[in-house]
Protein backbone atom coordinates (compact mmCIF):
# COMPACT_ATOMS: atom_id res chain seq x y z
CA UNK A 1 0.00 0.00 0.00
CA UNK A 2 1.41 3.37 -0.91
CA UNK A 3 2.14 5.75 1.89
CA UNK A 4 1.56 9.46 1.76
CA UNK A 5 4.34 11.93 2.53
CA UNK A 6 3.89 13.97 5.71
CA UNK A 7 1.17 16.58 5.48
CA UNK A 8 2.38 20.14 5.01
CA UNK A 9 2.63 22.08 8.26
CA UNK A 10 1.25 25.47 9.12
CA UNK A 11 3.82 27.90 10.43
CA UNK A 12 1.50 30.79 11.15
CA UNK A 13 -2.14 31.08 12.19
CA UNK A 14 -4.96 31.31 9.64
CA UNK A 15 -4.90 35.09 9.66
CA UNK A 16 -1.43 34.98 8.10
CA UNK A 17 -2.98 33.33 5.05
CA UNK A 18 -5.22 36.35 4.61
CA UNK A 19 -2.26 38.72 4.85
CA UNK A 20 -0.24 36.73 2.35
CA UNK A 21 -3.12 36.51 -0.12
CA UNK A 22 -3.72 40.27 0.14
CA UNK A 23 -0.09 40.91 -0.80
CA UNK A 24 -0.09 38.49 -3.72
CA UNK A 25 -3.63 39.34 -4.80
CA UNK A 26 -2.94 43.04 -4.76
CA UNK A 27 -0.28 42.47 -7.42
CA UNK A 28 -2.73 40.59 -9.64
CA UNK A 29 -5.58 43.01 -8.98
CA UNK A 30 -3.38 46.05 -9.49
CA UNK A 31 -2.11 44.76 -12.80
CA UNK A 32 -5.69 44.10 -13.85
CA UNK A 33 -6.82 47.59 -12.91
CA UNK A 34 -3.89 49.21 -14.72
CA UNK A 35 -4.83 47.25 -17.81
CA UNK A 36 -8.52 48.11 -17.57
CA UNK A 37 -8.29 50.63 -20.36
CA UNK A 38 -6.19 48.39 -22.61
CA UNK A 39 -7.88 46.04 -25.13
CA UNK A 40 -8.05 42.50 -23.72
CA UNK A 41 -6.30 39.76 -25.67
CA UNK A 42 -5.75 36.07 -24.99
CA UNK A 43 -6.72 34.19 -21.84
CA UNK A 44 -9.91 32.42 -20.90
CA UNK A 45 -13.25 34.12 -21.14
CA UNK A 46 -15.71 34.34 -18.26
CA UNK A 47 -18.57 36.26 -16.75
CA UNK A 48 -20.07 37.75 -13.65
CA UNK A 49 -23.49 38.89 -12.67
CA UNK A 50 -25.33 41.37 -14.89
CA UNK A 51 -27.15 44.35 -13.52
CA UNK A 52 -30.78 45.39 -13.90
CA UNK A 53 -29.80 48.82 -15.21
CA UNK A 54 -32.21 50.26 -17.73
CA UNK A 55 -31.20 50.20 -21.39
CA UNK A 56 -28.74 52.93 -22.19
CA UNK A 57 -27.35 53.25 -18.68
CA UNK A 58 -23.62 52.73 -18.37
CA UNK A 59 -22.22 49.59 -16.81
CA UNK A 60 -20.73 51.69 -14.01
CA UNK A 61 -24.18 52.76 -12.73
CA UNK A 62 -24.25 49.78 -10.33
CA UNK A 63 -21.75 47.63 -8.47
CA UNK A 64 -20.42 44.54 -10.22
CA UNK A 65 -21.42 42.20 -7.40
CA UNK A 66 -19.36 39.46 -5.72
CA UNK A 67 -16.85 37.28 -7.54
CA UNK A 68 -18.86 34.29 -8.89
CA UNK A 69 -16.30 31.62 -7.98
CA UNK A 70 -17.17 27.93 -7.68
CA UNK A 71 -15.67 25.31 -5.37
CA UNK A 72 -12.70 23.55 -6.97
CA UNK A 73 -11.61 20.88 -4.47
CA UNK A 74 -11.75 17.49 -6.25
CA UNK A 75 -13.34 15.73 -3.27
CA UNK A 76 -16.35 18.04 -2.91
CA UNK A 77 -16.56 19.50 -6.42
CA UNK A 78 -19.32 17.03 -7.45
CA UNK A 79 -21.59 18.44 -4.72
CA UNK A 80 -23.68 21.53 -5.37
CA UNK A 81 -22.45 24.77 -3.84
CA UNK A 82 -24.41 27.97 -4.62
CA UNK A 83 -22.30 30.52 -6.47
CA UNK A 84 -21.76 33.93 -4.79
CA UNK A 85 -24.41 36.31 -6.11
CA UNK A 86 -25.91 39.76 -5.78
CA UNK A 87 -29.57 40.25 -4.76
CA UNK A 88 -30.05 42.52 -7.78
CA UNK A 89 -31.91 40.96 -10.72
CA UNK A 90 -32.03 41.52 -14.45
CA UNK A 91 -34.98 43.40 -15.89
CA UNK A 92 -37.44 41.29 -17.91
CA UNK A 93 -36.04 40.41 -21.33
CA UNK A 94 -32.42 41.08 -20.45
CA UNK A 95 -29.81 38.36 -20.89
CA UNK A 96 -26.29 38.07 -19.53
CA UNK A 97 -23.83 35.59 -21.03
CA UNK A 98 -20.62 34.76 -19.18
CA UNK A 99 -17.60 32.50 -19.34
CA UNK A 100 -15.57 31.82 -16.20
CA UNK A 101 -12.16 30.15 -16.11
CA UNK A 102 -10.69 28.89 -12.80
CA UNK A 103 -7.37 27.08 -12.51
CA UNK A 104 -6.49 25.62 -9.12
CA UNK A 105 -3.74 23.57 -7.52
CA UNK A 106 -4.50 21.09 -4.73
CA UNK A 107 -2.06 19.29 -2.42
CA UNK A 108 -3.47 17.10 0.34
CA UNK A 109 -1.77 13.90 1.53
CA UNK A 110 -2.96 12.06 4.63
CA UNK A 111 -2.26 8.57 5.93
CA UNK A 112 -4.25 7.80 9.08
CA UNK A 113 -3.96 4.20 10.18
CA UNK A 114 -4.03 2.90 6.61
CA UNK A 115 -6.87 5.19 5.57
CA UNK A 116 -5.54 7.35 2.74
CA UNK A 117 -6.62 10.73 1.41
CA UNK A 118 -4.40 11.82 -1.46
CA UNK A 119 -5.45 14.74 -3.65
CA UNK A 120 -2.51 16.05 -5.62
CA UNK A 121 -3.01 17.78 -8.94
CA UNK A 122 -4.30 20.77 -10.82
CA UNK A 123 -7.82 21.40 -12.02
CA UNK A 124 -9.21 23.71 -14.69
CA UNK A 125 -12.91 24.54 -14.55
CA UNK A 126 -14.56 26.45 -17.40
CA UNK A 127 -18.23 27.40 -17.13
CA UNK A 128 -20.57 29.10 -19.58
CA UNK A 129 -23.36 30.90 -17.73
CA UNK A 130 -26.71 32.36 -18.80
CA UNK A 131 -28.83 34.72 -16.71
CA UNK A 132 -32.21 35.91 -17.90
CA UNK A 133 -34.82 38.28 -16.48
CA UNK A 134 -38.05 36.28 -16.54
CA UNK A 135 -40.37 38.77 -14.81
CA UNK A 136 -40.00 41.94 -12.80
CA UNK A 137 -37.79 40.93 -9.81
CA UNK A 138 -37.49 37.30 -10.99
CA UNK A 139 -34.34 35.94 -12.64
CA UNK A 140 -33.13 32.52 -13.82
CA UNK A 141 -29.52 31.38 -14.00
CA UNK A 142 -28.18 28.32 -15.85
CA UNK A 143 -24.55 27.21 -15.91
CA UNK A 144 -22.85 24.59 -18.07
CA UNK A 145 -19.50 23.67 -16.46
CA UNK A 146 -16.59 21.57 -17.69
CA UNK A 147 -13.45 20.45 -15.86
CA UNK A 148 -10.03 19.07 -16.71
CA UNK A 149 -7.64 17.25 -14.33
CA UNK A 150 -3.89 17.23 -14.82
CA UNK A 151 -0.55 16.98 -13.02
CA UNK A 152 -0.04 20.59 -14.10
CA UNK A 153 2.92 22.90 -13.82
CA UNK A 154 2.32 25.21 -10.81
CA UNK A 155 3.82 23.20 -7.94
CA UNK A 156 7.29 24.75 -7.99
CA UNK A 157 5.89 28.28 -8.27
CA UNK A 158 3.36 27.73 -5.47
CA UNK A 159 5.98 26.18 -3.21
CA UNK A 160 8.18 29.26 -3.72
CA UNK A 161 5.21 31.55 -3.08
CA UNK A 162 4.37 29.76 0.18
CA UNK A 163 7.98 29.83 1.33
CA UNK A 164 8.42 33.52 0.49
CA UNK A 165 5.21 34.59 2.24
CA UNK A 166 5.88 32.26 5.18
CA UNK A 167 2.33 30.91 5.15
CA UNK A 168 3.40 27.29 5.54
CA UNK A 169 6.21 24.81 5.00
CA UNK A 170 5.21 23.38 1.64
CA UNK A 171 6.35 19.81 0.96
CA UNK A 172 4.39 19.28 -2.22
CA UNK A 173 5.75 16.89 -4.85
CA UNK A 174 6.38 18.59 -8.16
CA UNK A 175 3.88 18.18 -10.98
CA UNK A 176 2.32 14.84 -10.06
CA UNK A 177 -1.30 13.69 -10.19
CA UNK A 178 -2.90 11.41 -7.65
CA UNK A 179 -6.52 11.29 -6.51
CA UNK A 180 -7.44 8.59 -4.02
CA UNK A 181 -9.70 8.25 -0.97
CA UNK A 182 -9.26 4.88 0.73
CA UNK A 183 -11.38 4.19 3.84
CA UNK A 184 -11.33 0.80 5.60
CA UNK A 185 -10.00 -0.83 2.45
CA UNK A 186 -12.78 0.69 0.30
CA UNK A 187 -11.66 2.84 -2.64
CA UNK A 188 -14.28 5.55 -2.25
CA UNK A 189 -12.75 7.96 -4.78
CA UNK A 190 -10.10 7.15 -7.35
CA UNK A 191 -9.65 9.23 -10.49
CA UNK A 192 -7.12 9.70 -13.26
CA UNK A 193 -6.09 12.68 -15.31
CA UNK A 194 -8.66 13.59 -17.92
CA UNK A 195 -9.51 16.07 -20.65
CA UNK A 196 -12.45 18.47 -20.39
CA UNK A 197 -15.57 16.65 -19.19
CA UNK A 198 -19.07 17.84 -18.35
CA UNK A 199 -19.90 18.39 -14.66
CA UNK A 200 -23.31 18.50 -12.97
CA UNK A 201 -25.43 21.40 -14.28
CA UNK A 202 -26.91 23.91 -11.78
CA UNK A 203 -30.11 25.93 -12.28
CA UNK A 204 -31.10 28.83 -10.03
CA UNK A 205 -34.17 31.03 -9.56
CA UNK A 206 -33.80 34.33 -7.68
CA UNK A 207 -36.52 36.72 -6.51
CA UNK A 208 -35.71 40.26 -5.36
CA UNK A 209 -37.89 41.28 -2.40
CA UNK A 210 -36.84 44.92 -2.09
CA UNK A 211 -33.95 47.21 -3.00
CA UNK A 212 -32.15 50.44 -2.25
CA UNK A 213 -32.92 53.33 -2.02
CA UNK A 214 -36.43 52.35 -0.86
CA UNK A 215 -34.89 50.19 1.87
CA UNK A 216 -31.49 50.31 3.58
CA UNK A 217 -30.31 47.29 1.57
CA UNK A 218 -31.16 45.00 -1.33
CA UNK A 219 -32.72 41.67 -0.34
CA UNK A 220 -33.43 38.57 -2.41
CA UNK A 221 -34.17 34.90 -1.90
CA UNK A 222 -33.02 32.09 -4.17
CA UNK A 223 -33.44 28.38 -4.75
CA UNK A 224 -31.16 26.19 -6.84
CA UNK A 225 -30.90 22.60 -8.00
CA UNK A 226 -28.04 20.70 -9.62
CA UNK A 227 -28.78 17.96 -12.12
CA UNK A 228 -26.64 14.77 -12.35
CA UNK A 229 -25.06 15.32 -15.76
CA UNK A 230 -21.47 14.60 -14.67
CA UNK A 231 -20.02 11.09 -14.58
CA UNK A 232 -20.24 9.54 -11.11
CA UNK A 233 -17.76 6.79 -11.99
CA UNK A 234 -15.13 9.43 -12.81
CA UNK A 235 -16.18 11.51 -9.77
CA UNK A 236 -17.31 14.44 -11.89
CA UNK A 237 -20.82 14.18 -10.42
CA UNK A 238 -22.41 12.56 -7.38
CA UNK A 239 -25.15 10.70 -9.25
CA UNK A 240 -28.12 12.54 -7.71
CA UNK A 241 -30.00 15.83 -7.59
CA UNK A 242 -28.68 18.40 -5.10
CA UNK A 243 -30.42 21.58 -3.98
CA UNK A 244 -30.07 24.71 -1.86
CA UNK A 245 -32.08 27.70 -0.63
CA UNK A 246 -30.66 31.00 0.52
CA UNK A 247 -30.87 34.72 1.27
CA UNK A 248 -28.85 37.48 -0.40
CA UNK A 249 -28.17 40.92 1.12
CA UNK A 250 -26.35 43.93 -0.28
CA UNK A 251 -25.73 47.50 0.83
CA UNK A 252 -23.99 50.23 -1.15
CA UNK A 253 -22.61 53.37 0.48
CA UNK A 254 -20.68 55.67 -1.81
CA UNK A 255 -17.94 53.68 -3.55
CA UNK A 256 -18.25 50.71 -1.17
CA UNK A 257 -20.58 47.73 -1.61
CA UNK A 258 -21.03 45.01 1.01
CA UNK A 259 -22.66 41.70 0.03
CA UNK A 260 -23.67 38.73 2.18
CA UNK A 261 -24.96 35.31 1.09
CA UNK A 262 -26.36 32.62 3.37
CA UNK A 263 -27.51 29.28 1.95
CA UNK A 264 -28.46 25.83 3.21
CA UNK A 265 -27.82 22.90 0.88
CA UNK A 266 -28.98 19.32 0.55
CA UNK A 267 -26.78 16.85 -1.32
CA UNK A 268 -27.48 13.37 -2.64
CA UNK A 269 -25.56 10.48 -1.11
CA UNK A 270 -23.41 8.92 -3.81
CA UNK A 271 -23.27 5.14 -4.00
CA UNK A 272 -19.49 5.50 -3.51
CA UNK A 273 -20.04 6.80 0.02
CA UNK A 274 -22.96 4.49 0.79
CA UNK A 275 -20.80 1.42 0.15
CA UNK A 276 -18.11 2.79 2.49
CA UNK A 277 -20.63 3.61 5.23
CA UNK A 278 -19.93 7.36 5.00
CA UNK A 279 -22.99 9.54 5.59
CA UNK A 280 -23.73 12.98 4.19
CA UNK A 281 -25.57 15.84 5.87
CA UNK A 282 -27.12 19.21 4.92
CA UNK A 283 -24.47 21.89 4.58
CA UNK A 284 -24.52 25.64 5.40
CA UNK A 285 -22.78 28.00 2.99
CA UNK A 286 -21.71 31.59 3.57
CA UNK A 287 -20.11 34.40 1.60
CA UNK A 288 -19.06 37.95 2.46
CA UNK A 289 -17.57 40.38 -0.03
CA UNK A 290 -16.41 43.98 -0.08
CA UNK A 291 -16.27 45.84 -3.38
CA UNK A 292 -14.46 49.17 -3.63
CA UNK A 293 -15.14 51.22 -6.75
CA UNK A 294 -11.60 52.58 -6.69
CA UNK A 295 -11.63 53.85 -10.28
CA UNK A 296 -14.25 55.00 -12.75
CA UNK A 297 -14.01 51.79 -14.77
CA UNK A 298 -12.64 49.31 -12.23
CA UNK A 299 -13.32 47.89 -8.76
CA UNK A 300 -11.27 45.97 -6.22
CA UNK A 301 -12.79 42.95 -4.44
CA UNK A 302 -12.06 41.14 -1.17
CA UNK A 303 -14.16 38.06 -0.56
CA UNK A 304 -14.46 35.12 1.84
CA UNK A 305 -16.50 31.99 1.08
CA UNK A 306 -17.10 29.10 3.48
CA UNK A 307 -19.02 25.85 3.70
CA UNK A 308 -19.47 23.20 6.37
CA UNK A 309 -18.17 19.67 5.88
CA UNK A 310 -20.46 17.36 3.94
CA UNK A 311 -19.58 14.13 5.74
CA UNK A 312 -20.65 12.75 9.12
CA UNK A 313 -19.10 10.06 11.28
CA UNK A 314 -15.86 10.22 9.27
CA UNK A 315 -13.17 10.69 11.91
CA UNK A 316 -11.28 7.86 10.25
CA UNK A 317 -9.92 10.45 7.79
CA UNK A 318 -9.32 14.06 8.80
CA UNK A 319 -9.70 15.26 5.20
CA UNK A 320 -13.42 14.45 5.33
CA UNK A 321 -13.94 16.52 8.48
CA UNK A 322 -12.60 19.82 7.17
CA UNK A 323 -14.92 22.68 6.25
CA UNK A 324 -13.83 24.80 3.30
CA UNK A 325 -12.85 28.44 3.78
CA UNK A 326 -11.33 30.46 0.96
CA UNK A 327 -10.18 34.06 0.67
CA UNK A 328 -10.14 35.79 -2.73
CA UNK A 329 -8.71 39.06 -4.00
CA UNK A 330 -9.62 40.34 -7.44
CA UNK A 331 -10.59 43.22 -9.67
CA UNK A 332 -13.47 43.96 -12.02
CA UNK A 333 -13.00 46.21 -15.01
CA UNK A 334 -15.14 47.61 -17.83
CA UNK A 335 -14.06 46.48 -21.29
CA UNK A 336 -16.98 48.31 -22.92
CA UNK A 337 -20.27 49.67 -21.58
CA UNK A 338 -21.81 46.19 -21.90
CA UNK A 339 -18.81 43.90 -21.43
CA UNK A 340 -16.97 43.52 -18.15
CA UNK A 341 -14.12 41.33 -16.99
CA UNK A 342 -12.59 40.24 -13.71
CA UNK A 343 -9.43 38.47 -12.56
CA UNK A 344 -7.57 37.58 -9.38
CA UNK A 345 -6.58 34.71 -7.13
CA UNK A 346 -7.87 32.85 -4.08
CA UNK A 347 -6.22 30.75 -1.39
CA UNK A 348 -7.45 28.40 1.29
CA UNK A 349 -7.49 29.65 4.88
CA UNK A 350 -7.89 26.24 6.54
CA UNK A 351 -5.11 23.77 5.80
CA UNK A 352 -6.11 20.87 3.60
CA UNK A 353 -9.65 22.01 2.85
CA UNK A 354 -10.05 24.31 -0.15
CA UNK A 355 -7.59 24.29 -3.09
CA UNK A 356 -4.22 25.82 -2.21
CA UNK A 357 -4.31 28.50 -4.90
CA UNK A 358 -6.92 29.29 -7.56
CA UNK A 359 -6.38 31.77 -10.39
CA UNK A 360 -9.47 33.07 -12.17
CA UNK A 361 -10.27 35.16 -15.21
CA UNK A 362 -13.66 36.00 -16.61
CA UNK A 363 -15.87 38.15 -18.81
CA UNK A 364 -19.59 38.82 -19.07
CA UNK A 365 -21.76 40.49 -21.70
CA UNK A 366 -25.17 42.04 -20.96
CA UNK A 367 -27.76 41.99 -23.76
CA UNK A 368 -31.28 43.39 -24.11
CA UNK A 369 -33.00 40.48 -25.83
CA UNK A 370 -36.48 42.04 -25.67
CA UNK A 371 -35.33 45.18 -27.50
CA UNK A 372 -33.44 43.15 -30.10
CA UNK A 373 -36.51 41.04 -30.83
CA UNK A 374 -38.77 44.08 -30.95
CA UNK A 375 -36.37 45.76 -33.38
CA UNK A 376 -36.43 42.78 -35.72
CA UNK A 377 -40.23 42.66 -35.71
CA UNK A 378 -40.35 46.36 -36.57
CA UNK A 379 -38.25 45.91 -39.70
């Protein structure tokens, strides 16, 4: 039986992770802001939430909203996690199309009495998203995500980054891929490198209850489901329908916007975990973001996302008992009045839970479908 190398050790408390990410993220965000007025070339496309601004209003009339990042840890990625969102909704007939690219590196090696948890590799998730204003205050969101698993190329750079910032003593093995969860002799999860494959598809409905300036903050409720379109045998899906319900709050004061999300999710119990006697439980999710409209055409973002652990009665492997907490730093920028982009990086705060480092880049385009259709009929 293969043994896992010693788990990497924390040298400073969790707050040091935040400090280190701010330093590194500020470099990425600053470079993005500086380039906000320069035509964008290359890279992966992506998108963030559209606003409900009336036709003809500039894209800078409202905040961008939180960074719409998805969970990227290979163990929990097949479970549904609501994406960070704003309570604002699109006006009826408006459509927003987005593409989001996230590239993350994971290093987790645990050997506990013969029970193994080895997640070592890099993961690229690309998602095409569609948001549409169905009725006044009611919006639908559909996402079609794909993922690729590889040994990658970031390990040496991330190890140097961790050593320079002093966040932890990084003992990662360079550019290898291994994905195995072995509990009581049962191979619960075992996956190989793969090309881009379809993941489970989430669908969300959001209803805005009230908004500023009539009330002190924007408030919305949402419900989402995730359909089992990803392969359970390759651990790209969990083989069942997941769901979540939540509340979204947002307050804007001057150039600052504060957004909070609180959701409660219900996940299906995969046959992989049933056979190993590992139970699943409902999971709370939370998100807090601060957006600073530092420039006319760009904003800086600081965001924390967290979720409880999905598994119960799993003290046989510490990896299964870790909640996920991730801190992200990024920037939004206007490419045109109707096209916006964002970029940045995120890092885990709790050791061995979320991916070590995630880089993201995205764009979104906001379209007035109702006006386009009306214009065609008038010709």
